[in-house]
Amino acid sequence: MITECIIFLASFGVPDGTHSAENYYIEQKQQCDISVPSPLQDHAGLFYEFFDEENIDTAIRISWCESRGKSDAYRSDNGDTGLMQFVHWTWNWVAEKYELPMWDEWVIMRWGRPYTDEKTHPHNIGFEQTRVQYTPYYNVLFASLLAEDIYGYTRWVDWSSSEWCWEDKKKWRKSWLRESKQ
């Protein structure tokens, strides 16, 4: 159900004709609220855009286990950062391979996406300058490249330290539902 919810939230689904549009959206949103942690619902479009459909479920579970869905999550003992908790050496390895921004580079984002236009705007609405590893856009993109592409096949080994949390779907669901009620 996680993958279906991410796709729904990313595309806002289309009623199939058997439900009124209003009831359909309400029912789907209610189902998603009990299937996907709310902080990760905010990033549904990124997970849908970057991960293969069959891997969205695992990526969402890992993100919750690693950061509880917080894009500013930081672990001081080793510097794990962002939604998917990258360390600088892994980040830079992916960045070099795909010619993407390196760890601690400042990037300009507009509406949560890299701003690459050369236009100027009379206002700063939607703009943000931040270190690249804290942007949900790049954190999810790098995770998808690391998990699905860099090794030539899908592999979640880079998140093995939290595997105890995300590997068993039933235990994971029970854990996040318990935490979300506190």
Protein backbone atom coordinates (compact mmCIF):
# COMPACT_ATOMS: atom_id res chain seq x y z
CA MET A 1 0.00 0.00 0.00
CA ILE A 2 2.95 2.36 0.53
CA THR A 3 3.78 2.46 -3.17
CA GLU A 4 0.14 3.04 -4.15
CA CYS A 5 -0.10 5.92 -1.67
CA ILE A 6 3.10 7.52 -2.90
CA ILE A 7 1.84 7.33 -6.49
CA PHE A 8 -1.54 8.74 -5.42
CA LEU A 9 0.00 11.57 -3.43
CA ALA A 10 2.46 12.36 -6.22
CA SER A 11 -0.19 12.42 -8.94
CA PHE A 12 -3.28 12.98 -6.82
CA GLY A 13 -4.89 9.97 -8.46
CA VAL A 14 -7.88 9.89 -10.75
CA PRO A 15 -11.23 8.41 -9.72
CA ASP A 16 -12.10 5.21 -11.55
CA GLY A 17 -15.76 6.12 -12.07
CA THR A 18 -17.10 3.96 -9.24
CA HIS A 19 -16.66 6.70 -6.63
CA SER A 20 -17.40 10.39 -6.60
CA ALA A 21 -14.20 12.38 -6.95
CA GLU A 22 -14.60 13.91 -3.50
CA ASN A 23 -15.12 10.55 -1.75
CA TYR A 24 -12.32 8.97 -3.76
CA TYR A 25 -9.76 11.57 -2.66
CA ILE A 26 -10.89 11.41 0.94
CA GLU A 27 -10.75 7.59 1.03
CA GLN A 28 -7.35 7.50 -0.66
CA LYS A 29 -5.91 10.13 1.68
CA GLN A 30 -7.24 8.27 4.72
CA GLN A 31 -5.67 5.04 3.45
CA CYS A 32 -2.38 6.84 2.89
CA ASP A 33 -2.46 8.30 6.39
CA ILE A 34 -2.39 4.78 7.82
CA SER A 35 0.16 3.50 5.28
CA VAL A 36 2.79 6.24 4.92
CA PRO A 37 4.28 8.38 7.72
CA SER A 38 3.01 11.94 7.30
CA PRO A 39 6.47 13.60 7.12
CA LEU A 40 7.25 11.39 4.12
CA GLN A 41 3.96 12.17 2.41
CA ASP A 42 5.39 15.66 1.82
CA HIS A 43 8.11 14.10 -0.35
CA ALA A 44 5.91 11.63 -2.24
CA GLY A 45 6.63 13.27 -5.58
CA LEU A 46 10.38 12.87 -5.16
CA PHE A 47 10.18 9.19 -4.22
CA TYR A 48 7.87 8.61 -7.18
CA GLU A 49 10.11 10.58 -9.54
CA PHE A 50 13.42 9.00 -8.57
CA PHE A 51 12.76 5.43 -7.44
CA ASP A 52 11.55 2.54 -9.55
CA GLU A 53 8.02 1.69 -8.51
CA GLU A 54 9.00 -1.67 -6.99
CA ASN A 55 11.52 0.07 -4.70
CA ILE A 56 9.39 2.94 -3.35
CA ASP A 57 8.08 0.89 -0.43
CA THR A 58 11.59 0.02 0.77
CA ALA A 59 12.89 3.56 0.24
CA ILE A 60 10.05 5.04 2.33
CA ARG A 61 10.66 2.55 5.15
CA ILE A 62 14.40 3.28 5.11
CA SER A 63 13.84 7.03 5.14
CA TRP A 64 11.56 6.78 8.15
CA CYS A 65 14.01 4.53 9.99
CA GLU A 66 16.99 6.72 9.15
CA SER A 67 15.53 10.22 9.73
CA ARG A 68 11.86 9.93 10.70
CA GLY A 69 11.22 11.85 7.48
CA LYS A 70 13.15 14.94 8.58
CA SER A 71 15.18 16.58 5.83
CA ASP A 72 17.34 18.35 8.42
CA ALA A 73 18.14 15.17 10.36
CA TYR A 74 21.77 15.06 11.47
CA ARG A 75 23.65 12.42 13.43
CA SER A 76 26.65 13.97 15.13
CA ASP A 77 28.75 10.85 15.68
CA ASN A 78 29.41 10.28 11.96
CA GLY A 79 27.70 13.17 10.18
CA ASP A 80 24.79 11.24 8.64
CA THR A 81 22.57 13.88 7.09
CA GLY A 82 19.16 14.32 5.50
CA LEU A 83 16.15 12.14 4.75
CA MET A 84 18.25 9.13 3.76
CA GLN A 85 21.15 9.85 6.17
CA PHE A 86 24.16 10.13 3.90
CA VAL A 87 27.74 10.40 5.10
CA HIS A 88 30.04 12.73 3.17
CA TRP A 89 32.28 10.05 1.61
CA THR A 90 29.32 8.13 0.14
CA TRP A 91 27.70 11.37 -1.03
CA ASN A 92 30.87 12.52 -2.79
CA TRP A 93 31.34 9.12 -4.44
CA VAL A 94 27.85 9.37 -5.97
CA ALA A 95 28.33 13.07 -6.80
CA GLU A 96 31.59 12.41 -8.68
CA LYS A 97 30.16 9.47 -10.60
CA TYR A 98 27.06 11.40 -11.77
CA GLU A 99 28.52 14.93 -11.88
CA LEU A 100 26.19 16.24 -9.19
CA PRO A 101 26.84 18.74 -6.37
CA MET A 102 29.41 17.66 -3.81
CA TRP A 103 28.80 17.49 -0.04
CA ASP A 104 28.45 20.92 1.61
CA GLU A 105 28.03 22.74 -1.72
CA TRP A 106 25.49 25.51 -1.49
CA VAL A 107 22.64 25.16 -3.98
CA ILE A 108 19.79 27.42 -4.89
CA MET A 109 16.42 25.74 -4.85
CA ARG A 110 13.08 27.08 -6.01
CA TRP A 111 9.95 25.31 -4.86
CA GLY A 112 12.15 22.42 -3.68
CA ARG A 113 13.92 21.84 -7.00
CA PRO A 114 17.33 23.01 -8.25
CA TYR A 115 17.09 26.49 -9.74
CA THR A 116 18.98 26.53 -13.01
CA ASP A 117 17.24 29.36 -14.90
CA GLU A 118 19.26 32.44 -15.62
CA LYS A 119 16.23 34.68 -15.12
CA THR A 120 15.94 37.16 -12.32
CA HIS A 121 12.72 37.58 -10.39
CA PRO A 122 11.33 40.70 -8.73
CA HIS A 123 10.73 38.67 -5.55
CA ASN A 124 12.28 35.78 -3.69
CA ILE A 125 9.17 33.66 -3.27
CA GLY A 126 9.97 29.95 -3.36
CA PHE A 127 13.75 30.43 -3.31
CA GLU A 128 16.05 28.83 -0.77
CA GLN A 129 19.82 28.57 -0.54
CA THR A 130 21.00 25.55 1.41
CA ARG A 131 23.67 22.92 1.63
CA VAL A 132 22.94 20.24 -0.92
CA GLN A 133 22.80 17.27 1.46
CA TYR A 134 19.88 18.86 3.36
CA THR A 135 17.64 19.21 0.31
CA PRO A 136 15.02 16.47 0.01
CA TYR A 137 15.40 16.66 -3.78
CA TYR A 138 19.09 15.74 -3.83
CA ASN A 139 18.91 13.40 -0.84
CA VAL A 140 16.23 11.24 -2.48
CA LEU A 141 17.93 11.48 -5.90
CA PHE A 142 21.29 10.34 -4.46
CA ALA A 143 19.58 7.50 -2.57
CA SER A 144 17.93 6.26 -5.75
CA LEU A 145 21.22 6.38 -7.65
CA LEU A 146 23.01 4.57 -4.84
CA ALA A 147 20.34 1.90 -4.35
CA GLU A 148 19.27 1.28 -7.94
CA ASP A 149 22.04 2.29 -10.30
CA ILE A 150 25.59 2.63 -9.02
CA TYR A 151 26.13 -1.09 -8.40
CA GLY A 152 24.39 -2.14 -11.61
CA TYR A 153 21.43 -3.67 -9.73
CA THR A 154 19.17 -2.76 -6.81
CA ARG A 155 20.98 -3.01 -3.53
CA TRP A 156 20.18 -1.55 -0.08
CA VAL A 157 23.50 -2.42 1.59
CA ASP A 158 24.31 1.23 2.31
CA TRP A 159 21.46 1.29 4.83
CA SER A 160 22.25 -2.09 6.43
CA SER A 161 22.85 -0.52 9.86
CA SER A 162 19.13 0.27 10.09
CA GLU A 163 17.95 -2.93 8.41
CA TRP A 164 16.62 -4.17 11.75
CA CYS A 165 14.10 -1.32 11.53
CA TRP A 166 12.95 -1.44 7.89
CA GLU A 167 13.42 -5.02 6.67
CA ASP A 168 10.29 -6.56 8.25
CA LYS A 169 7.30 -4.60 6.89
CA LYS A 170 4.93 -5.60 9.70
CA LYS A 171 7.37 -4.69 12.48
CA TRP A 172 8.19 -1.41 10.72
CA ARG A 173 4.52 -0.46 10.38
CA LYS A 174 3.80 -1.30 14.01
CA SER A 175 6.82 0.75 15.10
CA TRP A 176 5.98 3.93 13.15
CA LEU A 177 2.30 3.78 14.08
CA ARG A 178 3.26 3.43 17.75
CA GLU A 179 5.65 6.37 17.50
CA SER A 180 3.22 8.56 15.59
CA LYS A 181 0.67 8.26 18.42
CA GLN A 182 3.10 9.53 21.06
